[in-house]
């Protein structure tokens, strides 16, 4: 049966599973040593190793766990002095004016005087 135009073949979308995050969560919450004879998945072994490193004081491991469980902290993108980013509207310029402006921008970047007019 062909797809209907305008209708998704997968209305639920891709599953929202996060295997690495889930494995870290299991390793963080698990207080028992895994049974060496069990079929522990490799991702669980990796997560457990990461948690063990964090517990021993490894700061990058702690950061990785925090980023995976809580998400990375958002980082603002701002222009000079924390103000808004300056944008240039070049589409309303003629072709020669656009080329001239692009050349000036490239010169500024090469000369290290970016943003100075």
N, C-alpha and C. Protein backbone atom coordinates (compact mmCIF):
# COMPACT_ATOMS: atom_id res chain seq x y z
N UNK A 1 0.84 -1.17 0.00
CA UNK A 1 0.00 0.00 0.00
C UNK A 1 0.89 1.24 0.00
N UNK A 2 0.70 2.18 -0.93
CA UNK A 2 1.54 3.38 -0.99
C UNK A 2 1.20 4.34 0.15
N UNK A 3 2.17 5.19 0.43
CA UNK A 3 1.97 6.21 1.46
C UNK A 3 0.95 7.22 1.00
N UNK A 4 0.14 7.68 1.94
CA UNK A 4 -0.81 8.74 1.62
C UNK A 4 -0.10 10.08 1.74
N UNK A 5 -0.32 10.95 0.79
CA UNK A 5 0.30 12.26 0.80
C UNK A 5 -0.17 13.03 2.04
N UNK A 6 0.79 13.62 2.75
CA UNK A 6 0.47 14.41 3.93
C UNK A 6 0.25 13.62 5.21
N UNK A 7 0.45 12.29 5.15
CA UNK A 7 0.26 11.47 6.34
C UNK A 7 1.54 10.68 6.61
N UNK A 8 2.04 10.79 7.84
CA UNK A 8 3.28 10.13 8.21
C UNK A 8 3.09 8.61 8.26
N UNK A 9 4.09 7.89 7.79
CA UNK A 9 4.09 6.44 7.89
C UNK A 9 4.48 5.98 9.29
N UNK A 10 4.99 6.93 10.10
CA UNK A 10 5.40 6.64 11.46
C UNK A 10 4.91 7.78 12.36
N UNK A 11 3.60 7.82 12.64
CA UNK A 11 3.04 8.96 13.36
C UNK A 11 3.61 9.14 14.77
N UNK A 12 4.08 8.07 15.38
CA UNK A 12 4.67 8.20 16.72
C UNK A 12 6.08 8.73 16.68
N UNK A 13 6.69 8.75 15.50
CA UNK A 13 8.07 9.20 15.38
C UNK A 13 9.05 8.17 15.89
N UNK A 14 10.31 8.55 15.85
CA UNK A 14 11.36 7.67 16.35
C UNK A 14 11.22 7.52 17.86
N UNK A 15 11.43 6.32 18.40
CA UNK A 15 11.31 6.14 19.84
C UNK A 15 12.27 7.07 20.58
N UNK A 16 11.84 7.58 21.71
CA UNK A 16 12.62 8.55 22.47
C UNK A 16 13.53 7.86 23.49
N UNK A 17 13.99 6.65 23.18
CA UNK A 17 14.85 5.93 24.11
C UNK A 17 16.25 6.53 24.11
N UNK A 18 16.85 6.53 25.25
CA UNK A 18 18.21 7.01 25.42
C UNK A 18 18.97 5.92 26.16
N UNK A 19 19.54 5.01 25.40
CA UNK A 19 20.16 3.82 25.97
C UNK A 19 21.30 4.16 26.93
N UNK A 20 22.15 5.09 26.56
CA UNK A 20 23.30 5.44 27.40
C UNK A 20 22.82 6.07 28.70
N UNK A 21 21.90 7.02 28.61
CA UNK A 21 21.36 7.65 29.81
C UNK A 21 20.70 6.60 30.71
N UNK A 22 19.94 5.70 30.12
CA UNK A 22 19.25 4.68 30.91
C UNK A 22 20.25 3.73 31.58
N UNK A 23 21.32 3.39 30.89
CA UNK A 23 22.34 2.51 31.48
C UNK A 23 23.04 3.20 32.64
N UNK A 24 23.34 4.49 32.48
CA UNK A 24 23.98 5.24 33.58
C UNK A 24 23.03 5.31 34.77
N UNK A 25 21.76 5.57 34.49
CA UNK A 25 20.77 5.64 35.58
C UNK A 25 20.71 4.31 36.33
N UNK A 26 20.71 3.19 35.60
CA UNK A 26 20.68 1.88 36.26
C UNK A 26 21.94 1.69 37.12
N UNK A 27 23.10 2.09 36.57
CA UNK A 27 24.36 1.91 37.30
C UNK A 27 24.40 2.79 38.54
N UNK A 28 23.87 4.00 38.44
CA UNK A 28 23.87 4.91 39.59
C UNK A 28 22.96 4.38 40.69
N UNK A 29 21.80 3.85 40.31
CA UNK A 29 20.82 3.39 41.29
C UNK A 29 21.11 2.00 41.83
N UNK A 30 21.91 1.21 41.12
CA UNK A 30 22.18 -0.17 41.53
C UNK A 30 23.24 -0.19 42.61
N UNK A 31 22.90 -0.78 43.75
CA UNK A 31 23.85 -0.85 44.86
C UNK A 31 24.49 -2.22 44.99
N UNK A 32 24.05 -3.16 44.18
CA UNK A 32 24.59 -4.52 44.25
C UNK A 32 25.62 -4.72 43.14
N UNK A 33 26.60 -5.56 43.43
CA UNK A 33 27.58 -5.93 42.42
C UNK A 33 26.90 -6.83 41.39
N UNK A 34 27.15 -6.62 40.10
CA UNK A 34 26.52 -7.49 39.11
C UNK A 34 27.07 -8.90 39.20
N UNK A 35 26.23 -9.86 38.92
CA UNK A 35 26.62 -11.26 38.90
C UNK A 35 27.52 -11.48 37.69
N UNK A 36 28.77 -11.93 37.90
CA UNK A 36 29.68 -12.11 36.76
C UNK A 36 29.19 -13.14 35.76
N UNK A 37 28.27 -14.02 36.17
CA UNK A 37 27.74 -15.02 35.25
C UNK A 37 26.51 -14.54 34.50
N UNK A 38 26.03 -13.33 34.82
CA UNK A 38 24.83 -12.83 34.14
C UNK A 38 25.20 -12.25 32.78
N UNK A 39 24.22 -12.11 31.96
CA UNK A 39 24.42 -11.57 30.61
C UNK A 39 24.26 -10.05 30.66
N UNK A 40 25.14 -9.38 31.40
CA UNK A 40 25.10 -7.92 31.48
C UNK A 40 25.55 -7.35 30.14
N UNK A 41 24.79 -6.43 29.64
CA UNK A 41 25.12 -5.85 28.34
C UNK A 41 26.35 -4.96 28.45
N UNK A 42 27.08 -4.84 27.35
CA UNK A 42 28.30 -4.02 27.35
C UNK A 42 28.02 -2.59 27.75
N UNK A 43 26.88 -2.05 27.32
CA UNK A 43 26.58 -0.65 27.67
C UNK A 43 26.42 -0.51 29.18
N UNK A 44 25.89 -1.54 29.84
CA UNK A 44 25.77 -1.50 31.29
C UNK A 44 27.14 -1.59 31.96
N UNK A 45 28.02 -2.37 31.37
CA UNK A 45 29.40 -2.45 31.91
C UNK A 45 30.10 -1.10 31.79
N UNK A 46 29.92 -0.45 30.64
CA UNK A 46 30.53 0.87 30.45
C UNK A 46 29.97 1.88 31.43
N UNK A 47 28.66 1.86 31.60
CA UNK A 47 28.02 2.79 32.53
C UNK A 47 28.51 2.56 33.95
N UNK A 48 28.62 1.30 34.34
CA UNK A 48 29.10 0.96 35.67
C UNK A 48 30.54 1.45 35.87
N UNK A 49 31.38 1.26 34.85
CA UNK A 49 32.77 1.74 34.93
C UNK A 49 32.81 3.26 35.09
N UNK A 50 31.93 3.96 34.36
CA UNK A 50 31.88 5.42 34.46
C UNK A 50 31.45 5.85 35.86
N UNK A 51 30.45 5.19 36.41
CA UNK A 51 29.98 5.53 37.76
C UNK A 51 31.08 5.24 38.78
N UNK A 52 31.79 4.13 38.62
CA UNK A 52 32.87 3.81 39.56
C UNK A 52 33.97 4.86 39.50
N UNK A 53 34.30 5.34 38.29
CA UNK A 53 35.30 6.41 38.18
C UNK A 53 34.82 7.67 38.88
N UNK A 54 33.55 8.02 38.69
CA UNK A 54 33.00 9.22 39.32
C UNK A 54 33.04 9.09 40.84
N UNK A 55 32.68 7.91 41.34
CA UNK A 55 32.69 7.69 42.78
C UNK A 55 34.09 7.76 43.37
N UNK A 56 35.10 7.49 42.54
CA UNK A 56 36.48 7.56 43.04
C UNK A 56 37.04 8.98 42.94
N UNK A 57 36.22 9.91 42.46
CA UNK A 57 36.64 11.31 42.44
C UNK A 57 37.01 11.86 41.08
N UNK A 58 36.80 11.11 40.02
CA UNK A 58 37.13 11.56 38.67
C UNK A 58 36.11 12.61 38.22
N UNK A 59 36.56 13.89 38.17
CA UNK A 59 35.64 14.99 37.86
C UNK A 59 35.06 14.90 36.45
N UNK A 60 35.84 14.59 35.41
CA UNK A 60 35.22 14.45 34.09
C UNK A 60 34.14 13.37 34.04
N UNK A 61 34.32 12.30 34.81
CA UNK A 61 33.30 11.25 34.86
C UNK A 61 32.04 11.79 35.55
N UNK A 62 32.23 12.58 36.61
CA UNK A 62 31.09 13.19 37.29
C UNK A 62 30.33 14.11 36.33
N UNK A 63 31.09 14.88 35.56
CA UNK A 63 30.47 15.82 34.61
C UNK A 63 29.69 15.05 33.54
N UNK A 64 30.26 13.97 33.05
CA UNK A 64 29.58 13.16 32.04
C UNK A 64 28.26 12.61 32.57
N UNK A 65 28.28 12.13 33.80
CA UNK A 65 27.05 11.60 34.39
C UNK A 65 26.02 12.71 34.54
N UNK A 66 26.45 13.85 35.04
CA UNK A 66 25.53 14.98 35.19
C UNK A 66 24.94 15.40 33.86
N UNK A 67 25.78 15.48 32.82
CA UNK A 67 25.31 15.88 31.50
C UNK A 67 24.31 14.88 30.94
N UNK A 68 24.54 13.60 31.19
CA UNK A 68 23.65 12.57 30.65
C UNK A 68 22.34 12.49 31.41
N UNK A 69 22.39 12.69 32.72
CA UNK A 69 21.17 12.55 33.50
C UNK A 69 20.35 13.84 33.55
N UNK A 70 21.02 14.96 33.69
CA UNK A 70 20.30 16.24 33.82
C UNK A 70 20.32 17.06 32.54
N UNK A 71 21.15 16.69 31.59
CA UNK A 71 21.30 17.49 30.38
C UNK A 71 22.38 18.53 30.58
N UNK A 72 23.02 18.90 29.49
CA UNK A 72 24.07 19.91 29.57
C UNK A 72 23.44 21.26 29.89
N UNK A 73 24.12 22.07 30.70
CA UNK A 73 23.57 23.40 30.98
C UNK A 73 23.51 24.23 29.70
N UNK A 74 22.46 25.01 29.56
CA UNK A 74 22.35 25.84 28.36
C UNK A 74 23.39 26.96 28.44
N UNK A 75 23.85 27.37 27.29
CA UNK A 75 24.87 28.40 27.21
C UNK A 75 24.35 29.49 26.29
N UNK A 76 24.27 30.69 26.84
CA UNK A 76 23.76 31.81 26.06
C UNK A 76 24.75 32.20 24.97
N UNK A 77 24.22 32.55 23.83
CA UNK A 77 25.04 33.05 22.74
C UNK A 77 24.71 34.53 22.59
N UNK A 78 25.69 35.36 22.86
CA UNK A 78 25.46 36.80 22.83
C UNK A 78 26.52 37.49 22.00
N UNK A 79 26.24 38.72 21.67
CA UNK A 79 27.19 39.55 20.94
C UNK A 79 28.13 40.24 21.91
N UNK A 80 28.73 41.32 21.44
CA UNK A 80 29.67 42.08 22.28
C UNK A 80 28.99 42.58 23.53
N UNK A 81 29.71 42.57 24.63
CA UNK A 81 29.24 43.07 25.92
C UNK A 81 27.94 42.42 26.37
N UNK A 82 27.69 41.18 25.96
CA UNK A 82 26.50 40.47 26.39
C UNK A 82 25.23 40.90 25.67
N UNK A 83 25.36 41.77 24.71
CA UNK A 83 24.20 42.25 23.97
C UNK A 83 23.78 41.26 22.89
N UNK A 84 22.79 41.65 22.10
CA UNK A 84 22.33 40.75 21.04
C UNK A 84 23.37 40.59 19.94
N UNK A 85 23.27 39.50 19.22
CA UNK A 85 24.16 39.26 18.10
C UNK A 85 23.75 40.16 16.95
N UNK A 86 24.73 40.80 16.36
CA UNK A 86 24.46 41.70 15.23
C UNK A 86 24.33 40.87 13.96
N UNK A 87 23.29 41.11 13.22
CA UNK A 87 23.10 40.41 11.95
C UNK A 87 23.11 41.41 10.81
N UNK A 88 23.45 40.93 9.66
CA UNK A 88 23.47 41.76 8.46
C UNK A 88 22.48 41.20 7.46
N UNK A 89 21.65 42.05 6.92
CA UNK A 89 20.71 41.65 5.88
C UNK A 89 21.34 42.02 4.54
N UNK A 90 21.81 41.00 3.84
CA UNK A 90 22.51 41.25 2.57
C UNK A 90 21.64 40.92 1.36
N UNK A 91 20.52 40.26 1.57
CA UNK A 91 19.72 39.83 0.43
C UNK A 91 19.09 40.99 -0.33
N UNK A 92 18.93 42.14 0.32
CA UNK A 92 18.32 43.27 -0.37
C UNK A 92 19.35 44.13 -1.11
N UNK A 93 20.62 43.73 -1.08
CA UNK A 93 21.67 44.47 -1.79
C UNK A 93 21.83 43.92 -3.21
N UNK A 94 22.35 44.76 -4.08
CA UNK A 94 22.63 44.30 -5.44
C UNK A 94 23.83 43.34 -5.39
N UNK A 95 24.02 42.58 -6.45
CA UNK A 95 25.12 41.61 -6.50
C UNK A 95 26.47 42.28 -6.26
N UNK A 96 26.80 43.41 -6.93
CA UNK A 96 28.10 44.05 -6.66
C UNK A 96 28.23 44.54 -5.21
N UNK A 97 27.12 45.05 -4.64
CA UNK A 97 27.17 45.51 -3.25
C UNK A 97 27.39 44.34 -2.29
N UNK A 98 26.72 43.21 -2.58
CA UNK A 98 26.92 42.02 -1.75
C UNK A 98 28.35 41.55 -1.80
N UNK A 99 28.92 41.45 -3.00
CA UNK A 99 30.31 41.00 -3.14
C UNK A 99 31.26 41.94 -2.39
N UNK A 100 30.98 43.24 -2.48
CA UNK A 100 31.83 44.22 -1.79
C UNK A 100 31.72 44.04 -0.27
N UNK A 101 30.52 43.82 0.22
CA UNK A 101 30.31 43.64 1.66
C UNK A 101 30.96 42.33 2.14
N UNK A 102 30.79 41.24 1.38
CA UNK A 102 31.45 39.97 1.73
C UNK A 102 32.97 40.14 1.78
N UNK A 103 33.51 40.83 0.81
CA UNK A 103 34.96 41.06 0.78
C UNK A 103 35.40 41.84 2.01
N UNK A 104 34.61 42.84 2.41
CA UNK A 104 34.95 43.63 3.60
C UNK A 104 34.90 42.76 4.86
N UNK A 105 33.90 41.89 4.95
CA UNK A 105 33.78 41.00 6.11
C UNK A 105 34.99 40.07 6.17
N UNK A 106 35.36 39.50 5.03
CA UNK A 106 36.51 38.58 4.99
C UNK A 106 37.79 39.32 5.37
N UNK A 107 37.97 40.53 4.86
CA UNK A 107 39.15 41.33 5.22
C UNK A 107 39.19 41.59 6.73
N UNK A 108 38.03 41.94 7.30
CA UNK A 108 37.97 42.20 8.74
C UNK A 108 38.37 40.97 9.55
N UNK A 109 37.89 39.80 9.12
CA UNK A 109 38.22 38.57 9.84
C UNK A 109 39.71 38.27 9.71
N UNK A 110 40.27 38.42 8.53
CA UNK A 110 41.69 38.15 8.32
C UNK A 110 42.56 39.13 9.09
N UNK A 111 42.16 40.38 9.10
CA UNK A 111 42.93 41.42 9.79
C UNK A 111 42.71 41.42 11.31
N UNK A 112 41.72 40.67 11.75
CA UNK A 112 41.44 40.63 13.19
C UNK A 112 40.63 41.82 13.67
N UNK A 113 40.03 42.55 12.77
CA UNK A 113 39.23 43.72 13.17
C UNK A 113 37.75 43.44 12.96
N UNK A 114 37.36 42.21 13.21
CA UNK A 114 35.99 41.76 12.98
C UNK A 114 35.02 42.65 13.77
N UNK A 115 34.00 43.12 13.09
CA UNK A 115 32.97 43.92 13.73
C UNK A 115 33.26 45.40 13.77
N UNK A 116 34.44 45.81 13.38
CA UNK A 116 34.77 47.23 13.38
C UNK A 116 34.48 47.80 12.00
N UNK A 117 33.70 48.84 11.95
CA UNK A 117 33.41 49.51 10.67
C UNK A 117 33.95 50.91 10.67
